[in-house]
Amino acid sequence: MLRALLIGAFFFTMTPLLISIQWLLGKLGLPGWGFISCNYYKVLRALLRIKVRVAGDPVRGRAVLYISNHVSWVDIVVIGSLSPVAFVAKSEVRKWPLVGITAEIQRTVFVDRTRRHQTSDAIGEIVRRLASGTSVVLFAEGTSSDGNRVLPFRSALIGAIRHAAVQGDAIGGTAGVLIQPMSICYTGLHGIPMGRQHRPLVAWYGDLDFIPHIKAFIERGAVDAAVSYGEPVPADGGADRKAMTKTLEGAVRQLTTAALLGRPQPARAAE
């Protein structure tokens, strides 16, 4: 109960402050957005008692489009704590109290997949984020899983981003977009390996309500997360969108399987 109160106090006091500072930095065109964002998630990760192991090497020195699987709202905290990134989220998130405005300030790109025009606008936003030096995370399954598997990737959004990269000069000179497959999964509970039956305790999927889920997550205790990076590929390569999507899906599936089986690449603890 005390931990839940501490987390609640941090979220409801620091989040509005975070929004105000980042909004002001954006208006004044000042740096610091990434530093604030990453450290905010690091503190939240520590309060939630999430231990992260990183395998593989993320691309450094330039913006990259990360293509990842999706398990839970916890993914945002874990991935956001590793480096400054913007996420792609469904348009409904924008309407969530406090979370929606926080996501906007964190440069989230909102996608309404039911409206082609708005999806096209979102593609342009993603490409502009990358062109401005902000890396973007796209959860390519389009939904979250139970944590035991990787769902089929949707090729339309990946293909549209690839097309925008190839036509970069028409959208602001963004040719040369780099895509890196990334996997996130949850492997332990209180330091004990997590079996298949326990991973859905962390996963937030289907019709699960958010408040009961986060309450149960806090009560459950320390969780181990694994983030793995694969080999990057150029978005403007010769493969068509379906072939590229299959390649990325296969890479993420392989990284996830290795982490779940306890056979990941050489790993290191996250800072």
Protein backbone atom coordinates (compact mmCIF):
# COMPACT_ATOMS: atom_id res chain seq x y z
CA MET A 1 0.00 0.00 0.00
CA LEU A 2 2.84 2.40 0.89
CA ARG A 3 4.56 1.73 -2.44
CA ALA A 4 1.32 2.33 -4.32
CA LEU A 5 0.86 5.66 -2.52
CA LEU A 6 4.45 6.65 -3.30
CA ILE A 7 4.04 5.82 -6.99
CA GLY A 8 0.72 7.65 -7.11
CA ALA A 9 2.23 10.71 -5.43
CA PHE A 10 5.14 10.73 -7.90
CA PHE A 11 2.88 10.34 -10.93
CA PHE A 12 0.32 12.96 -9.98
CA THR A 13 2.84 15.56 -8.78
CA MET A 14 5.82 15.06 -11.10
CA THR A 15 3.87 14.38 -14.30
CA PRO A 16 2.21 17.83 -14.43
CA LEU A 17 5.60 19.39 -13.65
CA LEU A 18 7.18 17.31 -16.42
CA ILE A 19 4.49 18.44 -18.86
CA SER A 20 5.02 22.10 -17.96
CA ILE A 21 8.81 21.99 -18.28
CA GLN A 22 8.81 20.07 -21.54
CA TRP A 23 6.11 22.30 -23.00
CA LEU A 24 8.18 25.37 -22.12
CA LEU A 25 11.36 23.86 -23.59
CA GLY A 26 9.46 23.10 -26.80
CA LYS A 27 8.05 26.62 -27.05
CA LEU A 28 11.47 28.18 -26.50
CA GLY A 29 13.22 25.73 -28.79
CA LEU A 30 15.62 24.67 -26.03
CA PRO A 31 17.29 21.26 -25.58
CA GLY A 32 16.60 18.99 -22.62
CA TRP A 33 13.44 17.16 -23.70
CA GLY A 34 15.22 13.81 -24.02
CA PHE A 35 17.12 14.12 -20.74
CA ILE A 36 13.95 14.89 -18.78
CA SER A 37 11.91 12.19 -20.51
CA CYS A 38 14.47 9.42 -20.03
CA ASN A 39 15.14 10.22 -16.38
CA TYR A 40 11.41 10.50 -15.62
CA TYR A 41 10.95 6.94 -16.85
CA LYS A 42 14.04 5.77 -14.96
CA VAL A 43 12.58 6.99 -11.68
CA LEU A 44 9.22 5.43 -12.48
CA ARG A 45 10.95 2.17 -13.39
CA ALA A 46 12.78 2.15 -10.07
CA LEU A 47 9.56 2.82 -8.12
CA LEU A 48 7.84 -0.03 -9.95
CA ARG A 49 10.85 -2.28 -9.17
CA ILE A 50 11.54 -3.26 -12.75
CA LYS A 51 15.02 -4.64 -13.41
CA VAL A 52 16.09 -4.42 -17.05
CA ARG A 53 18.66 -6.43 -18.97
CA VAL A 54 19.72 -5.20 -22.42
CA ALA A 55 21.09 -7.49 -25.13
CA GLY A 56 22.52 -6.35 -28.45
CA ASP A 57 23.50 -2.86 -29.50
CA PRO A 58 21.02 -0.09 -30.27
CA VAL A 59 21.94 2.25 -33.10
CA ARG A 60 23.68 5.31 -31.71
CA GLY A 61 24.49 8.71 -33.15
CA ARG A 62 21.37 9.02 -35.31
CA ALA A 63 17.60 8.64 -35.13
CA VAL A 64 16.24 5.17 -35.81
CA LEU A 65 12.82 3.58 -36.21
CA TYR A 66 12.55 0.73 -33.70
CA ILE A 67 10.12 -2.02 -34.70
CA SER A 68 9.05 -3.92 -31.59
CA ASN A 69 6.57 -6.39 -30.20
CA HIS A 70 4.16 -5.14 -27.52
CA VAL A 71 3.23 -6.75 -24.19
CA SER A 72 2.00 -4.13 -21.72
CA TRP A 73 1.82 -0.49 -20.67
CA VAL A 74 4.99 -1.40 -18.78
CA ASP A 75 6.81 -1.45 -22.16
CA ILE A 76 6.57 2.35 -22.31
CA VAL A 77 8.30 2.74 -18.93
CA VAL A 78 11.03 0.21 -19.76
CA ILE A 79 11.84 1.40 -23.29
CA GLY A 80 11.47 5.07 -22.39
CA SER A 81 14.00 4.66 -19.56
CA LEU A 82 16.72 3.40 -21.92
CA SER A 83 16.93 6.36 -24.33
CA PRO A 84 14.85 9.33 -25.46
CA VAL A 85 12.25 8.02 -27.91
CA ALA A 86 8.81 8.90 -29.22
CA PHE A 87 6.14 6.22 -29.39
CA VAL A 88 3.40 5.48 -31.91
CA ALA A 89 0.06 4.95 -30.14
CA LYS A 90 -3.58 4.47 -31.03
CA SER A 91 -5.58 7.68 -31.19
CA GLU A 92 -7.73 6.74 -28.15
CA VAL A 93 -4.74 7.28 -25.84
CA ARG A 94 -4.93 11.01 -26.54
CA LYS A 95 -8.26 11.14 -24.65
CA TRP A 96 -7.01 9.41 -21.47
CA PRO A 97 -6.86 11.77 -18.43
CA LEU A 98 -3.32 13.06 -17.79
CA VAL A 99 -1.82 10.14 -19.76
CA GLY A 100 -3.00 11.68 -23.05
CA ILE A 101 -1.41 15.10 -22.50
CA THR A 102 1.74 13.45 -21.17
CA ALA A 103 1.96 11.33 -24.33
CA GLU A 104 1.56 14.43 -26.50
CA ILE A 105 4.36 16.29 -24.70
CA GLN A 106 6.49 13.14 -25.05
CA ARG A 107 6.15 13.55 -28.85
CA THR A 108 3.90 10.52 -29.28
CA VAL A 109 2.48 10.03 -32.78
CA PHE A 110 -1.20 9.09 -32.63
CA VAL A 111 -2.63 6.83 -35.32
CA ASP A 112 -6.27 6.24 -36.19
CA ARG A 113 -6.06 3.12 -38.34
CA THR A 114 -9.73 3.39 -39.30
CA ARG A 115 -9.20 6.66 -41.17
CA ARG A 116 -6.81 6.54 -44.09
CA HIS A 117 -6.26 10.30 -44.21
CA GLN A 118 -5.28 10.47 -40.53
CA THR A 119 -3.02 7.43 -40.94
CA SER A 120 -1.26 9.24 -43.78
CA ASP A 121 -0.79 12.28 -41.53
CA ALA A 122 0.68 10.04 -38.83
CA ILE A 123 3.20 8.59 -41.30
CA GLY A 124 4.34 12.11 -42.10
CA GLU A 125 4.70 12.84 -38.36
CA ILE A 126 6.81 9.71 -37.83
CA VAL A 127 9.12 10.62 -40.68
CA ARG A 128 9.41 14.20 -39.42
CA ARG A 129 10.31 12.94 -35.92
CA LEU A 130 13.10 10.87 -37.43
CA ALA A 131 14.28 13.76 -39.62
CA SER A 132 14.48 16.00 -36.54
CA GLY A 133 16.70 13.49 -34.72
CA THR A 134 14.09 11.79 -32.50
CA SER A 135 14.01 7.99 -32.59
CA VAL A 136 10.56 6.40 -32.83
CA VAL A 137 9.19 3.11 -31.45
CA LEU A 138 6.49 1.37 -33.48
CA PHE A 139 4.69 -1.63 -31.95
CA ALA A 140 4.17 -3.49 -35.19
CA GLU A 141 1.60 -6.04 -33.97
CA GLY A 142 -0.95 -3.26 -33.65
CA THR A 143 -2.02 -4.61 -30.24
CA SER A 144 -0.47 -6.25 -27.17
CA SER A 145 0.06 -9.97 -26.58
CA ASP A 146 -0.04 -12.23 -23.53
CA GLY A 147 3.75 -12.03 -23.26
CA ASN A 148 4.41 -15.59 -24.43
CA ARG A 149 4.48 -14.96 -28.17
CA VAL A 150 4.91 -12.41 -30.93
CA LEU A 151 1.75 -11.72 -32.92
CA PRO A 152 1.86 -11.23 -36.72
CA PHE A 153 3.13 -7.80 -37.73
CA ARG A 154 0.97 -5.44 -39.73
CA SER A 155 2.69 -4.51 -42.97
CA ALA A 156 0.67 -1.44 -43.97
CA LEU A 157 2.23 1.05 -41.54
CA ILE A 158 5.76 -0.30 -42.01
CA GLY A 159 5.29 -0.17 -45.78
CA ALA A 160 4.00 3.39 -45.65
CA ILE A 161 7.01 4.49 -43.60
CA ARG A 162 9.32 2.73 -46.04
CA HIS A 163 7.62 4.52 -48.95
CA ALA A 164 7.97 7.85 -47.15
CA ALA A 165 11.66 7.14 -46.59
CA VAL A 166 12.21 6.37 -50.28
CA GLN A 167 10.34 9.56 -51.21
CA GLY A 168 12.19 11.46 -48.50
CA ASP A 169 13.02 14.53 -50.53
CA ALA A 170 9.32 15.27 -50.89
CA ILE A 171 8.76 15.07 -47.13
CA GLY A 172 11.73 16.99 -45.87
CA GLY A 173 14.82 15.13 -47.02
CA THR A 174 14.40 12.00 -44.89
CA ALA A 175 15.78 9.39 -47.26
CA GLY A 176 18.04 6.92 -45.45
CA VAL A 177 15.73 6.02 -42.57
CA LEU A 178 17.18 3.13 -40.57
CA ILE A 179 14.96 0.45 -39.01
CA GLN A 180 16.10 -1.68 -36.08
CA PRO A 181 14.15 -4.69 -34.78
CA MET A 182 13.71 -4.69 -31.01
CA SER A 183 12.18 -7.18 -28.59
CA ILE A 184 10.77 -6.66 -25.11
CA CYS A 185 9.65 -9.44 -22.79
CA TYR A 186 9.32 -10.22 -19.09
CA THR A 187 11.41 -13.05 -17.75
CA GLY A 188 11.39 -13.02 -13.94
CA LEU A 189 9.34 -12.29 -10.83
CA HIS A 190 11.27 -11.55 -7.62
CA GLY A 191 14.38 -12.88 -9.36
CA ILE A 192 12.78 -16.25 -10.13
CA PRO A 193 12.34 -17.24 -13.79
CA MET A 194 8.79 -16.51 -14.94
CA GLY A 195 6.91 -19.39 -16.54
CA ARG A 196 4.33 -19.16 -19.31
CA GLN A 197 1.48 -19.09 -16.81
CA HIS A 198 2.92 -16.03 -15.02
CA ARG A 199 3.73 -13.73 -17.96
CA PRO A 200 0.09 -12.70 -18.49
CA LEU A 201 0.30 -11.21 -14.98
CA VAL A 202 2.53 -8.49 -16.47
CA ALA A 203 0.92 -8.40 -19.91
CA TRP A 204 -1.92 -5.94 -20.44
CA TYR A 205 -4.03 -7.18 -23.32
CA GLY A 206 -7.55 -7.96 -24.42
CA ASP A 207 -10.22 -6.35 -22.27
CA LEU A 208 -8.16 -5.97 -19.08
CA ASP A 209 -8.93 -2.77 -17.17
CA PHE A 210 -5.98 -0.45 -16.58
CA ILE A 211 -6.43 0.55 -12.91
CA PRO A 212 -6.90 -3.00 -11.51
CA HIS A 213 -3.98 -4.17 -13.65
CA ILE A 214 -1.52 -1.52 -12.44
CA LYS A 215 -2.66 -2.05 -8.84
CA ALA A 216 -2.02 -5.79 -9.12
CA PHE A 217 1.32 -5.13 -10.84
CA ILE A 218 2.49 -2.93 -7.97
CA GLU A 219 1.35 -5.46 -5.37
CA ARG A 220 3.05 -8.32 -7.20
CA GLY A 221 6.53 -6.92 -6.73
CA ALA A 222 9.81 -6.90 -8.62
CA VAL A 223 9.79 -7.89 -12.30
CA ASP A 224 12.69 -8.65 -14.65
CA ALA A 225 12.44 -7.30 -18.20
CA ALA A 226 14.64 -8.11 -21.19
CA VAL A 227 15.16 -5.73 -24.11
CA SER A 228 17.02 -7.09 -27.13
CA TYR A 229 18.20 -5.30 -30.28
CA GLY A 230 18.69 -6.93 -33.68
CA GLU A 231 20.61 -5.89 -36.77
CA PRO A 232 19.38 -2.62 -38.35
CA VAL A 233 18.17 -2.55 -41.95
CA PRO A 234 17.72 0.43 -44.30
CA ALA A 235 14.10 1.41 -44.84
CA ASP A 236 14.78 2.21 -48.47
CA GLY A 237 16.11 -1.26 -49.28
CA GLY A 238 15.03 -3.31 -52.28
CA ALA A 239 12.53 -5.60 -50.49
CA ASP A 240 8.81 -4.84 -50.79
CA ARG A 241 6.74 -3.98 -47.72
CA LYS A 242 5.50 -7.51 -47.06
CA ALA A 243 8.96 -9.04 -47.39
CA MET A 244 10.48 -6.35 -45.15
CA THR A 245 7.72 -6.85 -42.57
CA LYS A 246 8.31 -10.61 -42.54
CA THR A 247 12.04 -10.08 -42.09
CA LEU A 248 11.50 -7.70 -39.17
CA GLU A 249 8.86 -9.97 -37.61
CA GLY A 250 11.21 -12.94 -37.86
CA ALA A 251 14.03 -11.00 -36.23
CA VAL A 252 11.84 -9.82 -33.33
CA ARG A 253 10.39 -13.32 -32.90
CA GLN A 254 13.90 -14.80 -32.74
CA LEU A 255 15.06 -12.23 -30.18
CA THR A 256 11.95 -12.78 -28.05
CA THR A 257 12.22 -16.57 -28.14
CA ALA A 258 15.89 -16.43 -27.14
CA ALA A 259 15.14 -14.11 -24.19
CA LEU A 260 12.16 -16.16 -22.98
CA LEU A 261 14.22 -19.36 -23.13
CA GLY A 262 17.09 -17.70 -21.25
CA ARG A 263 19.44 -17.78 -24.23
CA PRO A 264 19.74 -14.12 -25.25
CA GLN A 265 22.78 -12.39 -26.72
CA PRO A 266 25.40 -11.25 -24.18
CA ALA A 267 23.39 -8.98 -21.90
CA ARG A 268 24.11 -6.08 -19.59
CA ALA A 269 22.10 -4.38 -16.89
CA ALA A 270 20.36 -1.18 -17.90
CA GLU A 271 21.51 2.02 -16.22
